[in-house]
Amino acid sequence: LGIAVLELLRNGWRFEPYLDLLDGGTWGLNLLPHVERAQRVLFIDAISADAEPGALVELEREDIPRFLARKLSPHQIDVKEVLALAELRGTLPRELVAVGLQPESVEMRTSLSPVLASRLGDLVARVIYRLEEWGYVASELEGEALA
């Protein structure tokens, strides 16, 4: 889900000032320096929060580790561990937000479920709203960004 939203943002929107749009889902500890040097971090992903499938889920800093702790492999370093390490080192950004959709099920897939695919536009709109709250100006590029 996060990758699909990133592609829509990269191909359909411009942000001022410049902003890094990173796919950190499989980076493990390589994500740590990016988190540590950021003033703010906005995670975009499927978030299992015991809501209805497709529901928009938004988490603030204190709730993020609890909901982003699912690993796809026992050998994988997850976001929760990256955030814990940054906090231990005193480098965790003060502003952390996670925005996503409640999946129907949490499993490895190569495509989005129909429920999540139907809500992509709403999720992109919510991400843009949060970025604008932080002072970014979002400009839609020519053509349909969400087509």
Protein backbone atom coordinates (compact mmCIF):
# COMPACT_ATOMS: atom_id res chain seq x y z
CA LEU A 1 0.00 0.00 0.00
CA GLY A 2 2.76 2.44 0.91
CA ILE A 3 4.54 1.85 -2.39
CA ALA A 4 1.34 2.47 -4.38
CA VAL A 5 0.74 5.77 -2.58
CA LEU A 6 4.37 6.84 -3.02
CA GLU A 7 4.13 6.24 -6.76
CA LEU A 8 0.97 8.36 -6.98
CA LEU A 9 2.69 11.14 -5.01
CA ARG A 10 5.92 10.97 -7.03
CA ASN A 11 4.18 10.91 -10.41
CA GLY A 12 1.28 13.23 -9.71
CA TRP A 13 2.41 15.85 -7.20
CA ARG A 14 5.14 18.38 -6.53
CA PHE A 15 5.91 19.60 -3.02
CA GLU A 16 7.49 22.88 -1.92
CA PRO A 17 9.78 22.92 -0.12
CA TYR A 18 11.36 19.74 -1.46
CA LEU A 19 10.53 16.60 0.44
CA ASP A 20 12.06 13.10 0.41
CA LEU A 21 9.60 10.40 -0.60
CA LEU A 22 11.28 7.16 0.44
CA ASP A 23 10.17 3.55 0.27
CA GLY A 24 11.72 2.39 3.53
CA GLY A 25 9.70 -0.80 3.90
CA THR A 26 12.60 -3.18 3.36
CA TRP A 27 15.51 -0.98 4.38
CA GLY A 28 15.86 -2.29 7.92
CA LEU A 29 18.51 -0.34 9.84
CA ASN A 30 19.45 1.56 6.66
CA LEU A 31 16.31 3.60 7.33
CA LEU A 32 17.75 4.87 10.64
CA PRO A 33 19.88 7.77 9.28
CA HIS A 34 16.92 9.05 7.25
CA VAL A 35 14.67 8.99 10.32
CA GLU A 36 17.33 10.59 12.52
CA ARG A 37 18.02 13.55 10.23
CA ALA A 38 14.35 14.27 9.51
CA GLN A 39 12.44 16.99 11.31
CA ARG A 40 9.20 15.11 10.69
CA VAL A 41 8.35 11.61 9.46
CA LEU A 42 5.11 10.51 7.85
CA PHE A 43 4.75 6.74 7.41
CA ILE A 44 2.29 5.46 4.81
CA ASP A 45 1.26 1.83 4.96
CA ALA A 46 -1.44 -0.70 5.68
CA ILE A 47 -2.08 -0.42 9.41
CA SER A 48 -3.82 -3.19 11.28
CA ALA A 49 -5.82 -1.40 13.97
CA ASP A 50 -8.87 -3.67 14.31
CA ALA A 51 -11.00 -1.36 12.16
CA GLU A 52 -13.24 -2.12 9.19
CA PRO A 53 -11.30 -3.11 6.05
CA GLY A 54 -10.45 0.01 4.08
CA ALA A 55 -10.91 2.36 7.05
CA LEU A 56 -8.52 5.29 7.16
CA VAL A 57 -6.16 4.93 10.13
CA GLU A 58 -4.06 7.79 11.44
CA LEU A 59 -1.63 7.41 14.32
CA GLU A 60 0.36 10.01 16.20
CA ARG A 61 3.89 9.51 17.55
CA GLU A 62 3.10 7.66 20.77
CA ASP A 63 0.88 5.04 19.09
CA ILE A 64 3.04 4.24 16.06
CA PRO A 65 5.34 1.51 17.47
CA ARG A 66 2.41 -0.53 18.74
CA PHE A 67 0.72 -0.71 15.33
CA LEU A 68 3.75 -0.89 13.02
CA ALA A 69 5.33 -3.94 14.64
CA ARG A 70 4.36 -6.70 12.22
CA LYS A 71 7.31 -8.42 10.52
CA LEU A 72 7.03 -10.44 7.34
CA SER A 73 10.10 -12.46 8.35
CA PRO A 74 11.64 -13.23 11.76
CA HIS A 75 14.96 -11.92 10.39
CA GLN A 76 13.59 -8.57 9.31
CA ILE A 77 14.37 -5.38 11.25
CA ASP A 78 11.07 -3.54 11.53
CA VAL A 79 10.11 0.11 11.84
CA LYS A 80 9.43 -0.35 15.55
CA GLU A 81 13.07 -1.27 16.13
CA VAL A 82 14.35 1.63 14.01
CA LEU A 83 12.19 4.06 16.01
CA ALA A 84 13.28 2.53 19.32
CA LEU A 85 16.94 2.90 18.38
CA ALA A 86 16.48 6.52 17.28
CA GLU A 87 14.69 7.25 20.55
CA LEU A 88 17.47 5.60 22.56
CA ARG A 89 20.02 7.74 20.71
CA GLY A 90 17.97 10.89 21.31
CA THR A 91 17.48 11.46 17.56
CA LEU A 92 13.83 10.51 17.09
CA PRO A 93 11.94 13.35 15.36
CA ARG A 94 9.34 15.02 17.56
CA GLU A 95 6.71 14.79 14.85
CA LEU A 96 5.86 11.28 13.68
CA VAL A 97 2.62 10.34 12.00
CA ALA A 98 1.47 7.14 10.32
CA VAL A 99 -1.39 7.24 7.85
CA GLY A 100 -2.81 4.18 6.19
CA LEU A 101 -5.72 1.91 5.57
CA GLN A 102 -6.94 -1.06 7.55
CA PRO A 103 -6.22 -4.16 5.44
CA GLU A 104 -8.66 -7.04 5.08
CA SER A 105 -5.80 -9.37 6.02
CA VAL A 106 -2.08 -8.98 6.62
CA GLU A 107 -0.21 -11.16 4.19
CA MET A 108 2.48 -10.89 1.53
CA ARG A 109 0.81 -9.89 -1.77
CA THR A 110 1.87 -8.50 -5.12
CA SER A 111 -1.24 -6.37 -5.58
CA LEU A 112 -3.70 -4.41 -3.49
CA SER A 113 -7.01 -5.89 -2.48
CA PRO A 114 -10.02 -4.29 -4.21
CA VAL A 115 -11.00 -2.59 -0.94
CA LEU A 116 -7.61 -0.91 -0.50
CA ALA A 117 -7.30 -0.05 -4.20
CA SER A 118 -10.68 1.72 -4.04
CA ARG A 119 -9.46 3.91 -1.15
CA LEU A 120 -6.10 5.02 -2.63
CA GLY A 121 -7.42 8.46 -3.57
CA ASP A 122 -8.69 9.06 -0.04
CA LEU A 123 -5.36 8.00 1.44
CA VAL A 124 -3.38 10.25 -0.92
CA ALA A 125 -5.68 13.16 0.01
CA ARG A 126 -5.09 12.53 3.72
CA VAL A 127 -1.31 12.36 3.24
CA ILE A 128 -1.38 15.66 1.34
CA TYR A 129 -3.53 17.21 4.07
CA ARG A 130 -0.98 16.20 6.75
CA LEU A 131 1.92 17.51 4.67
CA GLU A 132 0.12 20.81 4.16
CA GLU A 133 -0.41 21.05 7.92
CA TRP A 134 3.38 20.85 8.21
CA GLY A 135 3.81 23.74 5.78
CA TYR A 136 4.35 21.95 2.48
CA VAL A 137 2.57 23.23 -0.60
CA ALA A 138 1.25 20.41 -2.78
CA SER A 139 0.73 21.10 -6.47
CA GLU A 140 -0.90 18.53 -8.69
CA LEU A 141 1.10 17.93 -11.86
CA GLU A 142 -0.59 18.10 -15.25
CA GLY A 143 -3.03 15.26 -15.88
CA GLU A 144 -4.91 13.17 -13.40
CA ALA A 145 -2.66 12.31 -10.43
CA LEU A 146 -5.10 9.75 -9.11
CA ALA A 147 -6.20 8.25 -12.42
